[in-house]
Amino acid sequence: MRGCTGKSWRYATKNRKLYAFEQAFIQKFVPGGDSLERIYLIDTTSPFFVPYKKKKVNWSKIPFHYLENQGVIPDKTAGKIKKYFKLYIDRVKEMGYNSISVDELCYMAILDFYNPELVSKLEKYRGLFQSLFDIASSAGMKIFINTDIMFYNQDIEELLLSGKSSETEIFEKAVENVLNSFPEIEGIIFRIGESDGLDAGGDFKSRLFLKTKKQANTLIKRLLPIFEKKSKYLIFRTWTVGAYELGDLMWNEKTYNDVFRDINSENLIISMKFGDTDFFRYLRLNQLFFLDDRKKIIELQTRREYEGFGEFPSFVGWDYKAYRDELMNNRSIVGMTAWCQTGGWATFKNFTFLKNSLFWNELNTYVSIQIFKNNKSVEQTVVEFAPATVDGDKLVEFLRISDEVIKELLYDPYYSAQELYFNRVRIPPIIHIFWNNVTLTSFTLQFYRAFCRNHMASIKIGFRALEKIKDLRRLAIEGNIPQYNYEFHFDTFFLLAKARELIYRDTGKEGIKEFKKLAKTYKSKHPKTYRFYVKLNNNENSRLFLPMLKLLVRKNSHYRLIDRMLFNPLTSRFYLFLYRKSKKRFPKFLNKQAMPIDTLFR
């Protein structure tokens, strides 16, 4: 086992080489069959964010416009990106990853109708990307490119208005252009169910283009021959956020079957998140993995965007091992994706494997690949990863307790264990904690009260979990566990416990006032961390609201007859009208980040 000093974490390698019996076991039992080398994919956004100085960061998109100076990326900035990209590739390759995803296709495609200024800029971007691809290729890494369907700029908008071309034709040309220009690219990853956030800048901005199952099916059939001819892979992500007819693709069997109807190609890979919503806990494995024999990749997240971004321990090992065990004999699985940096909005500034990297994110990323690639036990991978100065057994115990704290206090087990759906959306197991925002409004209060199975037990288990954080401090000292900030961890979760008490117990105006005072003290002590948004009125009349809420929300994924009545083009317009009338009552960040909320009502 290797030692470790400072912030430069090094990994044990003695056990990396599998024995012959392990190799035989993997050939026989690891999902995916033998026709395709398994794809162990990881995102590469970290190197692009290291020069980023803005206070609030959209981690879901490379800030191309910020990196530029007078329309171009300066040589110094490009040099930093290449330097950090090389360091990053070395680290993830050592862990066992063999493929990378790179953002984004629109900055690599040069189309014949683009204006000269844009063409000149894109040629420079191509030079940068080629340098990065050379680094990855020399390390033996497969390269995949991310893209939204569809991206737009002024030239594209003007061509569409002229009627001389369609979105589909433009997109097809862009795909062919990139595959022809960069033959080392192994495939392209398509995101169809989410678009750029409201705060996204740069020369391109994406919008949802595919709205119906037929449109999606037609586009895949149109694009696949390009990939088949070039022996490349079309990776189609089922991730959707509830918008339009395609909004339930990630969990609805019928929608899935309609989208992929009559499509059977060795060059198609379907990429799915492990559950039926975003990267949360308390989710059963997505049952669409077992629906057919089409090649599939499971998406995991190791820098947990809804669980602190790695600023406190949020270990995924036991959850991911359970998913892996369920998929053991599923021959359709050909690999996995680890999102170790991409996702969410936050002020937290850590870069996995690079500057200000965090132990907890690196641990999650290492454990995930070892579980899914080599079927190792969680305990083995933890001890393997631990620096020589760390007591591995203490670290395992530490992680077990921290996992309990996440599941009992960050989440509410009396609410989160349920499956709740609103129209096409699986309602998340947390609704008041998003990124680094904790939102306490009358709506969140009433929603939790309506669906939490035991209010007082929830409060009790939350404060009991808070006490467990004191055990973590002891174990961190005894085990010499690195980068554990007990004070920040305890202070944050103390406020989360108080927030739960505020939600489930009628504290009156004095209770609200006390919580705001605690939140103000927290902000002065931890200024660039969590933001607590409090707008509560415990006396708000809910006699009409609660029955309507319970009517709109169902407790399983199956659509009811009443859902067809409640959600249709006419009622959607009404809900959209209500949302816009009450928009000011929602937290400000919801109207500035992510996709426009009103998209969900379409």
Foldseek 3Di string as FASTA:
>chain_A
DAFDDDPQFDFFDPCVDDDPVLVVVCQVWFAAHDPDAFAAEEEQQLLLCPVPDDQKDQQADRQVVVCDDPLARDPVSLVSSLVVLLLVLVVLVSLPGAEYEYDALVLQFDDPQDDPSSVVRSVRVNVSVVSSLVSSVVSNHAYEHEDEQPKDAPSRVVCVVVVPDDSLVVVLNSVLRNCVVDVSHQYYEYDQAFWAKQQHDDRMGDDRDDAALVVLQVSCVVNVVSCVVSVHAYEYELAHAQFHHSRQSQADPVSVCSNCPPPDDPRYEYEHEQARHPADPLGHGRPVLVVDQAAYEYEHELQDQLQFSQLAAAACQVVLLVSLVVCRRRNRYRYYYYHLRHDAMFSDDARDSDPNHHPRSSLNSSSNCCCSPSVDHSLVSQLRSDRPQFDSVLVVVLNVLVNLLCCQQVFQCQQLNFFKDFQSHTDHSDDQGGRQEGEAEAVVLLVCQLRRPDLVVSLVSLVVSLVSLVVSVVSCVVGVPPSHDSVLVSLVSVLSSLSSCVSRPCPDPVSLVVSVVSQVVNCVVVVRGHHYHHHYDPPDDCPPVSVVVVVRMDGDNDDDPVSVVCQDPVNLVVVLVVCVVCVVSDDPVQCRTTYNPNSSSD
